[in-house]
Amino acid sequence: MQLMRKISGAFTGGALGALLDSFNIWGMGKIGMSDFIGIAMKPEFTAPWAYKRMIWGGIWMLLLLLPIMKNRVVLRGMLLSLAPSAMMLFMVLPSMGKGMFGLGFGNLMPVVVVGLNFIYGIFASFWYSQTIK
């Protein structure tokens, strides 16, 4: 039963963290922050878009099951968020025709991806830490 709690906590933390990440990237476009920093990515917040991101967010945060940095919630979340960041920067954004690191969206796109994913990872790690007590 403990394993199921860990899997559930990791996946749910990742899914909710991805929902937060989705609101963050959408909100940046809505309030004009994306324009201010020169990022052309301004997604529409739709159910299919958010759902896909939440499922992948949950899958990625199954990495929380690895026994690394268990007592360092913030650093653990940041470290584990580098895996989905790398996938976005080296695979997803280039496949969208935006070049390596997604620079076609703007020069600060790598910073935005890593920064928002840090928030996602920290949230997921915190959620997970609370569910396995």
C-alpha atoms as a PDB file:
ATOM      1  CA  MET A   1       0.000   0.000   0.000  1.00  0.00           C
ATOM      2  CA  GLN A   2       2.934   2.345   0.700  1.00  0.00           C
ATOM      3  CA  LEU A   3       4.171   1.967  -2.897  1.00  0.00           C
ATOM      4  CA  MET A   4       0.738   2.925  -4.247  1.00  0.00           C
ATOM      5  CA  ARG A   5       0.732   6.022  -2.025  1.00  0.00           C
ATOM      6  CA  LYS A   6       4.171   7.006  -3.329  1.00  0.00           C
ATOM      7  CA  ILE A   7       3.203   6.488  -6.978  1.00  0.00           C
ATOM      8  CA  SER A   8      -0.055   8.374  -6.485  1.00  0.00           C
ATOM      9  CA  GLY A   9       1.669  11.228  -4.652  1.00  0.00           C
ATOM     10  CA  ALA A  10       4.377  11.580  -7.293  1.00  0.00           C
ATOM     11  CA  PHE A  11       1.954  11.481 -10.226  1.00  0.00           C
ATOM     12  CA  THR A  12      -0.586  13.818  -8.600  1.00  0.00           C
ATOM     13  CA  GLY A  13       2.113  16.272  -7.555  1.00  0.00           C
ATOM     14  CA  GLY A  14       3.449  16.307 -11.095  1.00  0.00           C
ATOM     15  CA  ALA A  15      -0.015  16.725 -12.631  1.00  0.00           C
ATOM     16  CA  LEU A  16      -0.932  19.592 -10.309  1.00  0.00           C
ATOM     17  CA  GLY A  17       2.500  21.151 -10.786  1.00  0.00           C
ATOM     18  CA  ALA A  18       1.958  20.995 -14.543  1.00  0.00           C
ATOM     19  CA  LEU A  19      -1.437  22.679 -14.117  1.00  0.00           C
ATOM     20  CA  LEU A  20       0.307  25.456 -12.184  1.00  0.00           C
ATOM     21  CA  ASP A  21       2.956  25.641 -14.926  1.00  0.00           C
ATOM     22  CA  SER A  22       0.210  25.887 -17.557  1.00  0.00           C
ATOM     23  CA  PHE A  23      -1.431  28.782 -15.711  1.00  0.00           C
ATOM     24  CA  ASN A  24       1.964  30.468 -15.406  1.00  0.00           C
ATOM     25  CA  ILE A  25       2.848  30.317 -19.118  1.00  0.00           C
ATOM     26  CA  TRP A  26      -0.709  31.274 -20.126  1.00  0.00           C
ATOM     27  CA  GLY A  27      -0.777  34.104 -17.566  1.00  0.00           C
ATOM     28  CA  MET A  28       2.545  35.465 -18.781  1.00  0.00           C
ATOM     29  CA  GLY A  29       0.977  35.909 -22.211  1.00  0.00           C
ATOM     30  CA  LYS A  30      -2.243  37.407 -20.869  1.00  0.00           C
ATOM     31  CA  ILE A  31      -0.640  40.073 -18.676  1.00  0.00           C
ATOM     32  CA  GLY A  32       1.955  41.045 -21.285  1.00  0.00           C
ATOM     33  CA  MET A  33       5.013  39.645 -19.536  1.00  0.00           C
ATOM     34  CA  SER A  34       5.834  37.458 -22.546  1.00  0.00           C
ATOM     35  CA  ASP A  35       5.861  40.529 -24.789  1.00  0.00           C
ATOM     36  CA  PHE A  36       7.947  42.440 -22.262  1.00  0.00           C
ATOM     37  CA  ILE A  37      10.696  39.791 -22.232  1.00  0.00           C
ATOM     38  CA  GLY A  38      10.447  39.083 -25.977  1.00  0.00           C
ATOM     39  CA  ILE A  39       8.820  35.633 -25.878  1.00  0.00           C
ATOM     40  CA  ALA A  40       6.399  34.917 -28.716  1.00  0.00           C
ATOM     41  CA  MET A  41       4.829  31.851 -27.069  1.00  0.00           C
ATOM     42  CA  LYS A  42       1.338  32.772 -25.851  1.00  0.00           C
ATOM     43  CA  PRO A  43      -0.762  29.607 -25.690  1.00  0.00           C
ATOM     44  CA  GLU A  44      -4.520  29.609 -25.343  1.00  0.00           C
ATOM     45  CA  PHE A  45      -5.672  27.890 -22.175  1.00  0.00           C
ATOM     46  CA  THR A  46      -7.821  25.029 -23.415  1.00  0.00           C
ATOM     47  CA  ALA A  47      -8.812  21.776 -21.747  1.00  0.00           C
ATOM     48  CA  PRO A  48      -6.955  19.526 -24.246  1.00  0.00           C
ATOM     49  CA  TRP A  49      -3.790  21.612 -23.949  1.00  0.00           C
ATOM     50  CA  ALA A  50      -3.857  21.595 -20.134  1.00  0.00           C
ATOM     51  CA  TYR A  51      -4.834  17.910 -19.938  1.00  0.00           C
ATOM     52  CA  LYS A  52      -1.902  16.818 -22.102  1.00  0.00           C
ATOM     53  CA  ARG A  53       0.508  18.891 -20.016  1.00  0.00           C
ATOM     54  CA  MET A  54      -0.909  17.484 -16.757  1.00  0.00           C
ATOM     55  CA  ILE A  55      -0.556  13.868 -17.896  1.00  0.00           C
ATOM     56  CA  TRP A  56       3.043  14.402 -18.995  1.00  0.00           C
ATOM     57  CA  GLY A  57       3.747  16.382 -15.837  1.00  0.00           C
ATOM     58  CA  GLY A  58       2.530  13.471 -13.751  1.00  0.00           C
ATOM     59  CA  ILE A  59       4.575  10.960 -15.713  1.00  0.00           C
ATOM     60  CA  TRP A  60       7.755  13.032 -15.438  1.00  0.00           C
ATOM     61  CA  MET A  61       7.412  13.419 -11.689  1.00  0.00           C
ATOM     62  CA  LEU A  62       7.393   9.680 -11.187  1.00  0.00           C
ATOM     63  CA  LEU A  63      11.110  10.488 -10.986  1.00  0.00           C
ATOM     64  CA  LEU A  64      10.303  11.450  -7.391  1.00  0.00           C
ATOM     65  CA  LEU A  65      10.256   7.726  -6.641  1.00  0.00           C
ATOM     66  CA  LEU A  66      14.044   7.705  -7.028  1.00  0.00           C
ATOM     67  CA  PRO A  67      15.786   7.806  -3.641  1.00  0.00           C
ATOM     68  CA  ILE A  68      17.768  10.987  -4.199  1.00  0.00           C
ATOM     69  CA  MET A  69      17.899  14.115  -2.034  1.00  0.00           C
ATOM     70  CA  LYS A  70      14.849  12.997  -0.032  1.00  0.00           C
ATOM     71  CA  ASN A  71      15.323  15.660   2.644  1.00  0.00           C
ATOM     72  CA  ARG A  72      15.969  18.527   0.201  1.00  0.00           C
ATOM     73  CA  VAL A  73      12.466  19.150  -1.161  1.00  0.00           C
ATOM     74  CA  VAL A  74      13.221  22.343  -3.104  1.00  0.00           C
ATOM     75  CA  LEU A  75      16.542  21.211  -4.583  1.00  0.00           C
ATOM     76  CA  ARG A  76      15.084  17.796  -5.430  1.00  0.00           C
ATOM     77  CA  GLY A  77      12.212  19.402  -7.318  1.00  0.00           C
ATOM     78  CA  MET A  78      14.569  21.695  -9.188  1.00  0.00           C
ATOM     79  CA  LEU A  79      16.935  18.852 -10.072  1.00  0.00           C
ATOM     80  CA  LEU A  80      14.179  16.537 -11.315  1.00  0.00           C
ATOM     81  CA  SER A  81      12.561  19.335 -13.329  1.00  0.00           C
ATOM     82  CA  LEU A  82      15.693  19.494 -15.478  1.00  0.00           C
ATOM     83  CA  ALA A  83      14.658  16.258 -17.259  1.00  0.00           C
ATOM     84  CA  PRO A  84      11.406  17.651 -18.748  1.00  0.00           C
ATOM     85  CA  SER A  85      13.193  20.962 -19.380  1.00  0.00           C
ATOM     86  CA  ALA A  86      15.810  19.163 -21.461  1.00  0.00           C
ATOM     87  CA  MET A  87      13.124  17.352 -23.418  1.00  0.00           C
ATOM     88  CA  MET A  88      11.359  20.639 -24.168  1.00  0.00           C
ATOM     89  CA  LEU A  89      14.557  22.441 -25.169  1.00  0.00           C
ATOM     90  CA  PHE A  90      16.158  19.653 -27.190  1.00  0.00           C
ATOM     91  CA  MET A  91      13.174  17.783 -28.651  1.00  0.00           C
ATOM     92  CA  VAL A  92       9.744  19.409 -28.376  1.00  0.00           C
ATOM     93  CA  LEU A  93      10.518  23.024 -29.278  1.00  0.00           C
ATOM     94  CA  PRO A  94      12.859  22.077 -32.166  1.00  0.00           C
ATOM     95  CA  SER A  95      10.166  19.711 -33.510  1.00  0.00           C
ATOM     96  CA  MET A  96       7.783  22.691 -33.518  1.00  0.00           C
ATOM     97  CA  GLY A  97      10.165  24.445 -35.919  1.00  0.00           C
ATOM     98  CA  LYS A  98      11.439  26.859 -33.264  1.00  0.00           C
ATOM     99  CA  GLY A  99      15.055  25.705 -33.302  1.00  0.00           C
ATOM    100  CA  MET A 100      17.295  24.294 -30.630  1.00  0.00           C
ATOM    101  CA  PHE A 101      16.347  25.654 -27.199  1.00  0.00           C
ATOM    102  CA  GLY A 102      13.176  27.129 -28.744  1.00  0.00           C
ATOM    103  CA  LEU A 103      15.018  30.313 -29.631  1.00  0.00           C
ATOM    104  CA  GLY A 104      12.482  30.868 -32.405  1.00  0.00           C
ATOM    105  CA  PHE A 105      10.110  31.967 -29.627  1.00  0.00           C
ATOM    106  CA  GLY A 106      12.682  34.442 -28.279  1.00  0.00           C
ATOM    107  CA  ASN A 107      16.169  34.545 -26.805  1.00  0.00           C
ATOM    108  CA  LEU A 108      14.926  34.106 -23.249  1.00  0.00           C
ATOM    109  CA  MET A 109      12.889  30.979 -24.013  1.00  0.00           C
ATOM    110  CA  PRO A 110      15.421  28.621 -22.370  1.00  0.00           C
ATOM    111  CA  VAL A 111      15.314  30.743 -19.202  1.00  0.00           C
ATOM    112  CA  VAL A 112      11.499  30.696 -19.217  1.00  0.00           C
ATOM    113  CA  VAL A 113      11.360  26.924 -19.726  1.00  0.00           C
ATOM    114  CA  VAL A 114      13.851  26.148 -16.967  1.00  0.00           C
ATOM    115  CA  GLY A 115      12.435  28.785 -14.597  1.00  0.00           C
ATOM    116  CA  LEU A 116       8.814  27.689 -14.934  1.00  0.00           C
ATOM    117  CA  ASN A 117       9.833  24.051 -14.708  1.00  0.00           C
ATOM    118  CA  PHE A 118      11.673  24.815 -11.468  1.00  0.00           C
ATOM    119  CA  ILE A 119       8.351  26.041 -10.036  1.00  0.00           C
ATOM    120  CA  TYR A 120       6.629  22.910 -11.373  1.00  0.00           C
ATOM    121  CA  GLY A 121       9.277  20.619  -9.879  1.00  0.00           C
ATOM    122  CA  ILE A 122       9.294  22.369  -6.501  1.00  0.00           C
ATOM    123  CA  PHE A 123       5.506  22.151  -6.280  1.00  0.00           C
ATOM    124  CA  ALA A 124       5.519  18.466  -7.250  1.00  0.00           C
ATOM    125  CA  SER A 125       8.307  17.668  -4.798  1.00  0.00           C
ATOM    126  CA  PHE A 126       6.516  19.457  -1.976  1.00  0.00           C
ATOM    127  CA  TRP A 127       3.249  17.668  -2.758  1.00  0.00           C
ATOM    128  CA  TYR A 128       5.033  14.331  -2.816  1.00  0.00           C
ATOM    129  CA  SER A 129       6.788  15.042   0.491  1.00  0.00           C
ATOM    130  CA  GLN A 130       3.434  15.699   2.122  1.00  0.00           C
ATOM    131  CA  THR A 131       1.764  12.554   0.794  1.00  0.00           C
ATOM    132  CA  ILE A 132       4.374  10.072   1.973  1.00  0.00           C
ATOM    133  CA  LYS A 133       4.436  11.185   5.648  1.00  0.00           C
END
